[in-house]
Amino acid sequence: MEHIAAFILAVTCSGDLKDCRELPAPLPVYELYEDCAADLPAVRKRYGKHENLYVECFEVDPMLAEVDSEIVWDVTPEHGLTASVEPIDDEEVLVASRQSRNEESRSLQP
């Protein structure tokens, strides 16, 4: 199983930082933080035309690899881009499954 040590996050924002959106990272996760940091100049160059561009590497707690989690990020004038990986509560996780037509019709019969 691959160990994820860091991820790269690229975000562009409006001038007032009220409208921000993620940009796709060429390689979003890294086994070594140093590899993530080494890719930062290339990602900044790739998205250099965007105003208010924020590109950073963030470390991942290895314990979160075993649980459902999400990346939570924000951009502020004081701190720039901040991000963390947060566990998702079980109540927030929905599981979708697909039934075959036979299973579906059997479940509808009284």
PDB file of N, CA and C in Angstrom:
ATOM      1  N   MET A   1       0.845  -1.177   0.000  1.00  0.00           N
ATOM      2  CA  MET A   1       0.000   0.000   0.000  1.00  0.00           C
ATOM      3  C   MET A   1       0.892   1.243   0.000  1.00  0.00           C
ATOM      4  N   GLU A   2       0.518   2.197  -0.806  1.00  0.00           N
ATOM      5  CA  GLU A   2       1.282   3.440  -0.922  1.00  0.00           C
ATOM      6  C   GLU A   2       1.094   4.295   0.328  1.00  0.00           C
ATOM      7  N   HIS A   3       2.202   4.814   0.814  1.00  0.00           N
ATOM      8  CA  HIS A   3       2.162   5.727   1.958  1.00  0.00           C
ATOM      9  C   HIS A   3       2.116   7.150   1.417  1.00  0.00           C
ATOM     10  N   ILE A   4       1.150   7.930   1.851  1.00  0.00           N
ATOM     11  CA  ILE A   4       1.035   9.317   1.408  1.00  0.00           C
ATOM     12  C   ILE A   4       1.585  10.214   2.510  1.00  0.00           C
ATOM     13  N   ALA A   5       2.658  10.926   2.189  1.00  0.00           N
ATOM     14  CA  ALA A   5       3.292  11.808   3.171  1.00  0.00           C
ATOM     15  C   ALA A   5       2.871  13.256   2.988  1.00  0.00           C
ATOM     16  N   ALA A   6       2.524  13.622   1.736  1.00  0.00           N
ATOM     17  CA  ALA A   6       2.201  15.026   1.459  1.00  0.00           C
ATOM     18  C   ALA A   6       1.303  15.117   0.234  1.00  0.00           C
ATOM     19  N   PHE A   7       0.632  16.238   0.116  1.00  0.00           N
ATOM     20  CA  PHE A   7      -0.148  16.520  -1.090  1.00  0.00           C
ATOM     21  C   PHE A   7       0.128  17.945  -1.513  1.00  0.00           C
ATOM     22  N   ILE A   8      -0.068  18.187  -2.800  1.00  0.00           N
ATOM     23  CA  ILE A   8       0.127  19.532  -3.335  1.00  0.00           C
ATOM     24  C   ILE A   8      -1.252  20.124  -3.603  1.00  0.00           C
ATOM     25  N   LEU A   9      -1.421  21.374  -3.243  1.00  0.00           N
ATOM     26  CA  LEU A   9      -2.690  22.064  -3.434  1.00  0.00           C
ATOM     27  C   LEU A   9      -2.414  23.370  -4.158  1.00  0.00           C
ATOM     28  N   ALA A  10      -3.115  23.576  -5.266  1.00  0.00           N
ATOM     29  CA  ALA A  10      -3.001  24.809  -6.045  1.00  0.00           C
ATOM     30  C   ALA A  10      -4.375  25.475  -6.057  1.00  0.00           C
ATOM     31  N   VAL A  11      -4.414  26.745  -5.665  1.00  0.00           N
ATOM     32  CA  VAL A  11      -5.672  27.488  -5.554  1.00  0.00           C
ATOM     33  C   VAL A  11      -5.481  28.862  -6.170  1.00  0.00           C
ATOM     34  N   THR A  12      -6.470  29.314  -6.930  1.00  0.00           N
ATOM     35  CA  THR A  12      -6.467  30.676  -7.460  1.00  0.00           C
ATOM     36  C   THR A  12      -7.686  31.407  -6.900  1.00  0.00           C
ATOM     37  N   CYS A  13      -7.513  32.689  -6.625  1.00  0.00           N
ATOM     38  CA  CYS A  13      -8.571  33.468  -5.975  1.00  0.00           C
ATOM     39  C   CYS A  13      -8.797  34.797  -6.689  1.00  0.00           C
ATOM     40  N   SER A  14      -9.978  35.357  -6.458  1.00  0.00           N
ATOM     41  CA  SER A  14     -10.265  36.717  -6.904  1.00  0.00           C
ATOM     42  C   SER A  14      -9.426  37.681  -6.066  1.00  0.00           C
ATOM     43  N   GLY A  15      -9.390  38.940  -6.469  1.00  0.00           N
ATOM     44  CA  GLY A  15      -8.590  39.937  -5.766  1.00  0.00           C
ATOM     45  C   GLY A  15      -8.948  40.111  -4.301  1.00  0.00           C
ATOM     46  N   ASP A  16     -10.235  39.942  -3.969  1.00  0.00           N
ATOM     47  CA  ASP A  16     -10.660  40.104  -2.573  1.00  0.00           C
ATOM     48  C   ASP A  16     -10.658  38.781  -1.792  1.00  0.00           C
ATOM     49  N   LEU A  17     -10.209  37.707  -2.433  1.00  0.00           N
ATOM     50  CA  LEU A  17     -10.115  36.362  -1.841  1.00  0.00           C
ATOM     51  C   LEU A  17     -11.474  35.759  -1.476  1.00  0.00           C
ATOM     52  N   LYS A  18     -12.562  36.328  -1.992  1.00  0.00           N
ATOM     53  CA  LYS A  18     -13.883  35.783  -1.679  1.00  0.00           C
ATOM     54  C   LYS A  18     -14.270  34.631  -2.595  1.00  0.00           C
ATOM     55  N   ASP A  19     -13.678  34.566  -3.774  1.00  0.00           N
ATOM     56  CA  ASP A  19     -13.993  33.507  -4.732  1.00  0.00           C
ATOM     57  C   ASP A  19     -12.702  32.759  -5.056  1.00  0.00           C
ATOM     58  N   CYS A  20     -12.526  31.595  -4.468  1.00  0.00           N
ATOM     59  CA  CYS A  20     -11.324  30.785  -4.690  1.00  0.00           C
ATOM     60  C   CYS A  20     -11.726  29.425  -5.241  1.00  0.00           C
ATOM     61  N   ARG A  21     -10.837  28.842  -6.036  1.00  0.00           N
ATOM     62  CA  ARG A  21     -11.106  27.503  -6.562  1.00  0.00           C
ATOM     63  C   ARG A  21      -9.798  26.736  -6.689  1.00  0.00           C
ATOM     64  N   GLU A  22      -9.919  25.428  -6.541  1.00  0.00           N
ATOM     65  CA  GLU A  22      -8.763  24.548  -6.692  1.00  0.00           C
ATOM     66  C   GLU A  22      -8.419  24.392  -8.162  1.00  0.00           C
ATOM     67  N   LEU A  23      -7.145  24.248  -8.426  1.00  0.00           N
ATOM     68  CA  LEU A  23      -6.654  23.912  -9.754  1.00  0.00           C
ATOM     69  C   LEU A  23      -6.110  22.490  -9.688  1.00  0.00           C
ATOM     70  N   PRO A  24      -6.239  21.719 -10.771  1.00  0.00           N
ATOM     71  CA  PRO A  24      -5.730  20.345 -10.720  1.00  0.00           C
ATOM     72  C   PRO A  24      -4.212  20.314 -10.610  1.00  0.00           C
ATOM     73  N   ALA A  25      -3.724  19.513  -9.698  1.00  0.00           N
ATOM     74  CA  ALA A  25      -2.274  19.332  -9.546  1.00  0.00           C
ATOM     75  C   ALA A  25      -1.842  18.169 -10.431  1.00  0.00           C
ATOM     76  N   PRO A  26      -0.691  18.284 -11.105  1.00  0.00           N
ATOM     77  CA  PRO A  26      -0.249  17.209 -11.993  1.00  0.00           C
ATOM     78  C   PRO A  26      -0.057  15.881 -11.261  1.00  0.00           C
ATOM     79  N   LEU A  27       0.485  15.916 -10.075  1.00  0.00           N
ATOM     80  CA  LEU A  27       0.628  14.734  -9.224  1.00  0.00           C
ATOM     81  C   LEU A  27       0.162  15.162  -7.842  1.00  0.00           C
ATOM     82  N   PRO A  28      -1.069  14.820  -7.465  1.00  0.00           N
ATOM     83  CA  PRO A  28      -1.633  15.397  -6.250  1.00  0.00           C
ATOM     84  C   PRO A  28      -1.081  14.867  -4.929  1.00  0.00           C
ATOM     85  N   VAL A  29      -0.543  13.634  -4.902  1.00  0.00           N
ATOM     86  CA  VAL A  29      -0.033  13.090  -3.640  1.00  0.00           C
ATOM     87  C   VAL A  29       1.390  12.576  -3.811  1.00  0.00           C
ATOM     88  N   TYR A  30       2.127  12.596  -2.711  1.00  0.00           N
ATOM     89  CA  TYR A  30       3.544  12.231  -2.733  1.00  0.00           C
ATOM     90  C   TYR A  30       3.878  11.322  -1.557  1.00  0.00           C
ATOM     91  N   GLU A  31       4.787  10.389  -1.801  1.00  0.00           N
ATOM     92  CA  GLU A  31       5.269   9.522  -0.729  1.00  0.00           C
ATOM     93  C   GLU A  31       6.303  10.239   0.136  1.00  0.00           C
ATOM     94  N   LEU A  32       6.954  11.259  -0.425  1.00  0.00           N
ATOM     95  CA  LEU A  32       7.947  12.035   0.318  1.00  0.00           C
ATOM     96  C   LEU A  32       7.611  13.519   0.223  1.00  0.00           C
ATOM     97  N   TYR A  33       7.675  14.220   1.348  1.00  0.00           N
ATOM     98  CA  TYR A  33       7.417  15.658   1.349  1.00  0.00           C
ATOM     99  C   TYR A  33       8.409  16.377   0.435  1.00  0.00           C
ATOM    100  N   GLU A  34       9.651  15.923   0.420  1.00  0.00           N
ATOM    101  CA  GLU A  34      10.687  16.553  -0.398  1.00  0.00           C
ATOM    102  C   GLU A  34      10.346  16.496  -1.888  1.00  0.00           C
ATOM    103  N   ASP A  35       9.720  15.406  -2.336  1.00  0.00           N
ATOM    104  CA  ASP A  35       9.301  15.310  -3.740  1.00  0.00           C
ATOM    105  C   ASP A  35       8.208  16.327  -4.046  1.00  0.00           C
ATOM    106  N   CYS A  36       7.306  16.511  -3.107  1.00  0.00           N
ATOM    107  CA  CYS A  36       6.246  17.512  -3.264  1.00  0.00           C
ATOM    108  C   CYS A  36       6.863  18.902  -3.392  1.00  0.00           C
ATOM    109  N   ALA A  37       7.761  19.230  -2.477  1.00  0.00           N
ATOM    110  CA  ALA A  37       8.409  20.550  -2.489  1.00  0.00           C
ATOM    111  C   ALA A  37       9.193  20.772  -3.776  1.00  0.00           C
ATOM    112  N   ALA A  38       9.791  19.720  -4.306  1.00  0.00           N
ATOM    113  CA  ALA A  38      10.564  19.845  -5.545  1.00  0.00           C
ATOM    114  C   ALA A  38       9.672  20.162  -6.743  1.00  0.00           C
ATOM    115  N   ASP A  39       8.398  19.771  -6.707  1.00  0.00           N
ATOM    116  CA  ASP A  39       7.466  20.035  -7.810  1.00  0.00           C
ATOM    117  C   ASP A  39       6.816  21.417  -7.739  1.00  0.00           C
ATOM    118  N   LEU A  40       6.943  22.117  -6.632  1.00  0.00           N
ATOM    119  CA  LEU A  40       6.281  23.422  -6.482  1.00  0.00           C
ATOM    120  C   LEU A  40       6.634  24.416  -7.586  1.00  0.00           C
ATOM    121  N   PRO A  41       7.916  24.598  -7.955  1.00  0.00           N
ATOM    122  CA  PRO A  41       8.223  25.567  -9.016  1.00  0.00           C
ATOM    123  C   PRO A  41       7.542  25.236 -10.350  1.00  0.00           C
ATOM    124  N   ALA A  42       7.466  23.965 -10.703  1.00  0.00           N
ATOM    125  CA  ALA A  42       6.827  23.577 -11.965  1.00  0.00           C
ATOM    126  C   ALA A  42       5.329  23.860 -11.940  1.00  0.00           C
ATOM    127  N   VAL A  43       4.691  23.607 -10.813  1.00  0.00           N
ATOM    128  CA  VAL A  43       3.250  23.871 -10.703  1.00  0.00           C
ATOM    129  C   VAL A  43       2.995  25.371 -10.724  1.00  0.00           C
ATOM    130  N   ARG A  44       3.826  26.148 -10.046  1.00  0.00           N
ATOM    131  CA  ARG A  44       3.671  27.613 -10.085  1.00  0.00           C
ATOM    132  C   ARG A  44       3.849  28.139 -11.506  1.00  0.00           C
ATOM    133  N   LYS A  45       4.809  27.580 -12.231  1.00  0.00           N
ATOM    134  CA  LYS A  45       5.039  28.004 -13.616  1.00  0.00           C
ATOM    135  C   LYS A  45       3.849  27.622 -14.494  1.00  0.00           C
ATOM    136  N   ARG A  46       3.315  26.420 -14.283  1.00  0.00           N
ATOM    137  CA  ARG A  46       2.176  25.941 -15.072  1.00  0.00           C
ATOM    138  C   ARG A  46       0.973  26.874 -14.937  1.00  0.00           C
ATOM    139  N   TYR A  47       0.735  27.376 -13.738  1.00  0.00           N
ATOM    140  CA  TYR A  47      -0.429  28.225 -13.482  1.00  0.00           C
ATOM    141  C   TYR A  47      -0.059  29.691 -13.291  1.00  0.00           C
ATOM    142  N   GLY A  48       1.090  30.105 -13.762  1.00  0.00           N
ATOM    143  CA  GLY A  48       1.593  31.457 -13.564  1.00  0.00           C
ATOM    144  C   GLY A  48       0.699  32.562 -14.086  1.00  0.00           C
ATOM    145  N   LYS A  49      -0.165  32.255 -15.050  1.00  0.00           N
ATOM    146  CA  LYS A  49      -1.054  33.286 -15.615  1.00  0.00           C
ATOM    147  C   LYS A  49      -2.196  33.657 -14.667  1.00  0.00           C
ATOM    148  N   HIS A  50      -2.456  32.829 -13.664  1.00  0.00           N
ATOM    149  CA  HIS A  50      -3.526  33.106 -12.706  1.00  0.00           C
ATOM    150  C   HIS A  50      -3.077  34.158 -11.691  1.00  0.00           C
ATOM    151  N   GLU A  51      -3.957  35.121 -11.442  1.00  0.00           N
ATOM    152  CA  GLU A  51      -3.679  36.097 -10.389  1.00  0.00           C
ATOM    153  C   GLU A  51      -4.008  35.463  -9.041  1.00  0.00           C
ATOM    154  N   ASN A  52      -3.367  35.953  -7.994  1.00  0.00           N
ATOM    155  CA  ASN A  52      -3.593  35.425  -6.646  1.00  0.00           C
ATOM    156  C   ASN A  52      -3.510  33.902  -6.619  1.00  0.00           C
ATOM    157  N   LEU A  53      -2.378  33.403  -7.069  1.00  0.00           N
ATOM    158  CA  LEU A  53      -2.126  31.964  -7.114  1.00  0.00           C
ATOM    159  C   LEU A  53      -1.436  31.529  -5.828  1.00  0.00           C
ATOM    160  N   TYR A  54      -1.943  30.463  -5.248  1.00  0.00           N
ATOM    161  CA  TYR A  54      -1.352  29.877  -4.046  1.00  0.00           C
ATOM    162  C   TYR A  54      -1.063  28.412  -4.339  1.00  0.00           C
ATOM    163  N   VAL A  55       0.181  28.004  -4.166  1.00  0.00           N
ATOM    164  CA  VAL A  55       0.582  26.616  -4.384  1.00  0.00           C
ATOM    165  C   VAL A  55       1.449  26.200  -3.205  1.00  0.00           C
ATOM    166  N   GLU A  56       1.025  25.183  -2.498  1.00  0.00           N
ATOM    167  CA  GLU A  56       1.752  24.735  -1.303  1.00  0.00           C
ATOM    168  C   GLU A  56       1.696  23.220  -1.179  1.00  0.00           C
ATOM    169  N   CYS A  57       2.658  22.680  -0.457  1.00  0.00           N
ATOM    170  CA  CYS A  57       2.651  21.279  -0.045  1.00  0.00           C
ATOM    171  C   CYS A  57       2.188  21.214   1.407  1.00  0.00           C
ATOM    172  N   PHE A  58       1.435  20.197   1.713  1.00  0.00           N
ATOM    173  CA  PHE A  58       0.963  19.987   3.077  1.00  0.00           C
ATOM    174  C   PHE A  58       1.216  18.543   3.475  1.00  0.00           C
ATOM    175  N   GLU A  59       1.678  18.360   4.698  1.00  0.00           N
ATOM    176  CA  GLU A  59       1.942  17.014   5.196  1.00  0.00           C
ATOM    177  C   GLU A  59       0.641  16.326   5.589  1.00  0.00           C
ATOM    178  N   VAL A  60       0.659  14.988   5.493  1.00  0.00           N
ATOM    179  CA  VAL A  60      -0.500  14.176   5.834  1.00  0.00           C
ATOM    180  C   VAL A  60      -0.151  13.316   7.045  1.00  0.00           C
ATOM    181  N   ASP A  61      -1.024  13.319   8.031  1.00  0.00           N
ATOM    182  CA  ASP A  61      -0.857  12.452   9.191  1.00  0.00           C
ATOM    183  C   ASP A  61      -1.067  11.008   8.736  1.00  0.00           C
ATOM    184  N   PRO A  62      -0.089  10.125   8.905  1.00  0.00           N
ATOM    185  CA  PRO A  62      -0.225   8.738   8.438  1.00  0.00           C
ATOM    186  C   PRO A  62      -1.427   8.019   9.042  1.00  0.00           C
ATOM    187  N   MET A  63      -1.876   8.416  10.209  1.00  0.00           N
ATOM    188  CA  MET A  63      -3.038   7.774  10.834  1.00  0.00           C
ATOM    189  C   MET A  63      -4.319   8.015  10.034  1.00  0.00           C
ATOM    190  N   LEU A  64      -4.348   9.099   9.256  1.00  0.00           N
ATOM    191  CA  LEU A  64      -5.553   9.407   8.480  1.00  0.00           C
ATOM    192  C   LEU A  64      -5.665   8.557   7.224  1.00  0.00           C
ATOM    193  N   ALA A  65      -4.625   7.811   6.882  1.00  0.00           N
ATOM    194  CA  ALA A  65      -4.683   6.929   5.716  1.00  0.00           C
ATOM    195  C   ALA A  65      -5.651   5.771   5.943  1.00  0.00           C
ATOM    196  N   GLU A  66      -5.960   5.488   7.188  1.00  0.00           N
ATOM    197  CA  GLU A  66      -6.818   4.355   7.532  1.00  0.00           C
ATOM    198  C   GLU A  66      -8.291   4.736   7.696  1.00  0.00           C
ATOM    199  N   VAL A  67      -8.612   6.007   7.596  1.00  0.00           N
ATOM    200  CA  VAL A  67      -9.992   6.454   7.796  1.00  0.00           C
ATOM    201  C   VAL A  67     -10.426   7.328   6.617  1.00  0.00           C
ATOM    202  N   ASP A  68     -11.741   7.445   6.432  1.00  0.00           N
ATOM    203  CA  ASP A  68     -12.250   8.367   5.420  1.00  0.00           C
ATOM    204  C   ASP A  68     -11.909   9.783   5.851  1.00  0.00           C
ATOM    205  N   SER A  69     -11.378  10.558   4.918  1.00  0.00           N
ATOM    206  CA  SER A  69     -10.976  11.919   5.261  1.00  0.00           C
ATOM    207  C   SER A  69     -11.161  12.842   4.069  1.00  0.00           C
ATOM    208  N   GLU A  70     -11.059  14.138   4.334  1.00  0.00           N
ATOM    209  CA  GLU A  70     -11.203  15.142   3.293  1.00  0.00           C
ATOM    210  C   GLU A  70     -10.185  16.253   3.514  1.00  0.00           C
ATOM    211  N   ILE A  71      -9.855  16.946   2.435  1.00  0.00           N
ATOM    212  CA  ILE A  71      -8.958  18.091   2.529  1.00  0.00           C
ATOM    213  C   ILE A  71      -9.807  19.332   2.786  1.00  0.00           C
ATOM    214  N   VAL A  72      -9.479  20.050   3.839  1.00  0.00           N
ATOM    215  CA  VAL A  72     -10.173  21.291   4.195  1.00  0.00           C
ATOM    216  C   VAL A  72      -9.168  22.422   4.024  1.00  0.00           C
ATOM    217  N   TRP A  73      -9.518  23.424   3.194  1.00  0.00           N
ATOM    218  CA  TRP A  73      -8.567  24.511   2.945  1.00  0.00           C
ATOM    219  C   TRP A  73      -9.260  25.862   3.002  1.00  0.00           C
ATOM    220  N   ASP A  74      -8.428  26.895   3.156  1.00  0.00           N
ATOM    221  CA  ASP A  74      -8.919  28.265   3.209  1.00  0.00           C
ATOM    222  C   ASP A  74      -7.789  29.191   2.766  1.00  0.00           C
ATOM    223  N   VAL A  75      -8.161  30.360   2.269  1.00  0.00           N
ATOM    224  CA  VAL A  75      -7.186  31.390   1.906  1.00  0.00           C
ATOM    225  C   VAL A  75      -7.589  32.669   2.624  1.00  0.00           C
ATOM    226  N   THR A  76      -6.644  33.238   3.372  1.00  0.00           N
ATOM    227  CA  THR A  76      -6.888  34.493   4.084  1.00  0.00           C
ATOM    228  C   THR A  76      -5.729  35.444   3.833  1.00  0.00           C
ATOM    229  N   PRO A  77      -5.974  36.753   3.954  1.00  0.00           N
ATOM    230  CA  PRO A  77      -4.870  37.704   3.787  1.00  0.00           C
ATOM    231  C   PRO A  77      -3.771  37.500   4.836  1.00  0.00           C
ATOM    232  N   GLU A  78      -4.156  37.103   6.032  1.00  0.00           N
ATOM    233  CA  GLU A  78      -3.185  36.950   7.120  1.00  0.00           C
ATOM    234  C   GLU A  78      -2.293  35.726   6.960  1.00  0.00           C
ATOM    235  N   HIS A  79      -2.876  34.604   6.546  1.00  0.00           N
ATOM    236  CA  HIS A  79      -2.149  33.336   6.542  1.00  0.00           C
ATOM    237  C   HIS A  79      -1.949  32.731   5.159  1.00  0.00           C
ATOM    238  N   GLY A  80      -2.489  33.359   4.117  1.00  0.00           N
ATOM    239  CA  GLY A  80      -2.378  32.768   2.784  1.00  0.00           C
ATOM    240  C   GLY A  80      -3.173  31.473   2.716  1.00  0.00           C
ATOM    241  N   LEU A  81      -2.634  30.481   2.017  1.00  0.00           N
ATOM    242  CA  LEU A  81      -3.307  29.193   1.855  1.00  0.00           C
ATOM    243  C   LEU A  81      -2.986  28.299   3.048  1.00  0.00           C
ATOM    244  N   THR A  82      -4.027  27.824   3.698  1.00  0.00           N
ATOM    245  CA  THR A  82      -3.875  26.842   4.770  1.00  0.00           C
ATOM    246  C   THR A  82      -4.723  25.631   4.412  1.00  0.00           C
ATOM    247  N   ALA A  83      -4.268  24.462   4.809  1.00  0.00           N
ATOM    248  CA  ALA A  83      -5.020  23.244   4.513  1.00  0.00           C
ATOM    249  C   ALA A  83      -4.677  22.174   5.531  1.00  0.00           C
ATOM    250  N   SER A  84      -5.610  21.259   5.692  1.00  0.00           N
ATOM    251  CA  SER A  84      -5.384  20.107   6.554  1.00  0.00           C
ATOM    252  C   SER A  84      -6.245  18.956   6.056  1.00  0.00           C
ATOM    253  N   VAL A  85      -5.877  17.770   6.464  1.00  0.00           N
ATOM    254  CA  VAL A  85      -6.668  16.580   6.167  1.00  0.00           C
ATOM    255  C   VAL A  85      -7.438  16.250   7.437  1.00  0.00           C
ATOM    256  N   GLU A  86      -8.761  16.209   7.317  1.00  0.00           N
ATOM    257  CA  GLU A  86      -9.629  16.003   8.473  1.00  0.00           C
ATOM    258  C   GLU A  86     -10.437  14.726   8.296  1.00  0.00           C
ATOM    259  N   PRO A  87     -10.594  13.940   9.355  1.00  0.00           N
ATOM    260  CA  PRO A  87     -11.429  12.738   9.252  1.00  0.00           C
ATOM    261  C   PRO A  87     -12.889  13.119   9.042  1.00  0.00           C
ATOM    262  N   ILE A  88     -13.592  12.280   8.313  1.00  0.00           N
ATOM    263  CA  ILE A  88     -15.020  12.481   8.069  1.00  0.00           C
ATOM    264  C   ILE A  88     -15.783  11.628   9.076  1.00  0.00           C
ATOM    265  N   ASP A  89     -16.767  12.216   9.745  1.00  0.00           N
ATOM    266  CA  ASP A  89     -17.611  11.459  10.669  1.00  0.00           C
ATOM    267  C   ASP A  89     -18.384  10.403   9.897  1.00  0.00           C
ATOM    268  N   ASP A  90     -18.635   9.262  10.529  1.00  0.00           N
ATOM    269  CA  ASP A  90     -19.372   8.184   9.877  1.00  0.00           C
ATOM    270  C   ASP A  90     -20.741   8.642   9.385  1.00  0.00           C
ATOM    271  N   GLU A  91     -21.377   9.562  10.107  1.00  0.00           N
ATOM    272  CA  GLU A  91     -22.700  10.040   9.698  1.00  0.00           C
ATOM    273  C   GLU A  91     -22.647  10.804   8.377  1.00  0.00           C
ATOM    274  N   GLU A  92     -21.475  11.332   8.033  1.00  0.00           N
ATOM    275  CA  GLU A  92     -21.340  12.121   6.814  1.00  0.00           C
ATOM    276  C   GLU A  92     -21.041  11.270   5.587  1.00  0.00           C
ATOM    277  N   VAL A  93     -20.736   9.987   5.771  1.00  0.00           N
ATOM    278  CA  VAL A  93     -20.338   9.119   4.667  1.00  0.00           C
ATOM    279  C   VAL A  93     -21.559   8.399   4.125  1.00  0.00           C
ATOM    280  N   LEU A  94     -21.786   8.520   2.831  1.00  0.00           N
ATOM    281  CA  LEU A  94     -22.854   7.808   2.145  1.00  0.00           C
ATOM    282  C   LEU A  94     -22.230   6.784   1.217  1.00  0.00           C
ATOM    283  N   VAL A  95     -22.806   5.596   1.179  1.00  0.00           N
ATOM    284  CA  VAL A  95     -22.299   4.543   0.308  1.00  0.00           C
ATOM    285  C   VAL A  95     -23.359   4.252  -0.729  1.00  0.00           C
ATOM    286  N   ALA A  96     -22.971   4.312  -1.978  1.00  0.00           N
ATOM    287  CA  ALA A  96     -23.896   4.018  -3.068  1.00  0.00           C
ATOM    288  C   ALA A  96     -23.582   2.635  -3.612  1.00  0.00           C
ATOM    289  N   SER A  97     -24.617   1.911  -3.988  1.00  0.00           N
ATOM    290  CA  SER A  97     -24.415   0.608  -4.618  1.00  0.00           C
ATOM    291  C   SER A  97     -25.416   0.470  -5.749  1.00  0.00           C
ATOM    292  N   ARG A  98     -25.089  -0.437  -6.626  1.00  0.00           N
ATOM    293  CA  ARG A  98     -25.947  -0.641  -7.787  1.00  0.00           C
ATOM    294  C   ARG A  98     -26.526  -2.039  -7.709  1.00  0.00           C
ATOM    295  N   GLN A  99     -27.831  -2.147  -7.901  1.00  0.00           N
ATOM    296  CA  GLN A  99     -28.487  -3.443  -7.900  1.00  0.00           C
ATOM    297  C   GLN A  99     -28.752  -3.865  -9.331  1.00  0.00           C
ATOM    298  N   SER A 100     -28.704  -5.173  -9.556  1.00  0.00           N
ATOM    299  CA  SER A 100     -29.099  -5.674 -10.873  1.00  0.00           C
ATOM    300  C   SER A 100     -30.616  -5.577 -10.968  1.00  0.00           C
ATOM    301  N   ARG A 101     -31.156  -5.705 -12.168  1.00  0.00           N
ATOM    302  CA  ARG A 101     -32.611  -5.619 -12.336  1.00  0.00           C
ATOM    303  C   ARG A 101     -33.319  -6.714 -11.534  1.00  0.00           C
ATOM    304  N   ASN A 102     -32.754  -7.913 -11.477  1.00  0.00           N
ATOM    305  CA  ASN A 102     -33.380  -9.004 -10.721  1.00  0.00           C
ATOM    306  C   ASN A 102     -33.438  -8.677  -9.236  1.00  0.00           C
ATOM    307  N   GLU A 103     -32.362  -8.150  -8.686  1.00  0.00           N
ATOM    308  CA  GLU A 103     -32.345  -7.788  -7.267  1.00  0.00           C
ATOM    309  C   GLU A 103     -33.346  -6.677  -6.992  1.00  0.00           C
ATOM    310  N   GLU A 104     -33.425  -5.730  -7.917  1.00  0.00           N
ATOM    311  CA  GLU A 104     -34.330  -4.596  -7.743  1.00  0.00           C
ATOM    312  C   GLU A 104     -35.774  -5.062  -7.741  1.00  0.00           C
ATOM    313  N   SER A 105     -36.155  -5.938  -8.693  1.00  0.00           N
ATOM    314  CA  SER A 105     -37.541  -6.382  -8.777  1.00  0.00           C
ATOM    315  C   SER A 105     -37.901  -7.259  -7.583  1.00  0.00           C
ATOM    316  N   ARG A 106     -36.950  -8.075  -7.077  1.00  0.00           N
ATOM    317  CA  ARG A 106     -37.217  -8.897  -5.899  1.00  0.00           C
ATOM    318  C   ARG A 106     -37.437  -8.031  -4.669  1.00  0.00           C
ATOM    319  N   SER A 107     -36.702  -6.945  -4.554  1.00  0.00           N
ATOM    320  CA  SER A 107     -36.852  -6.099  -3.369  1.00  0.00           C
ATOM    321  C   SER A 107     -38.152  -5.305  -3.399  1.00  0.00           C
ATOM    322  N   LEU A 108     -38.773  -5.170  -4.566  1.00  0.00           N
ATOM    323  CA  LEU A 108     -40.031  -4.436  -4.679  1.00  0.00           C
ATOM    324  C   LEU A 108     -41.246  -5.327  -4.463  1.00  0.00           C
ATOM    325  N   GLN A 109     -41.069  -6.654  -4.543  1.00  0.00           N
ATOM    326  CA  GLN A 109     -42.197  -7.568  -4.367  1.00  0.00           C
ATOM    327  C   GLN A 109     -42.550  -7.698  -2.893  1.00  0.00           C
ATOM    328  N   PRO A 110     -43.873  -7.819  -2.599  1.00  0.00           N
ATOM    329  CA  PRO A 110     -44.299  -7.940  -1.195  1.00  0.00           C
ATOM    330  C   PRO A 110     -43.902  -9.267  -0.582  1.00  0.00           C
TER     331      PRO A 110
END
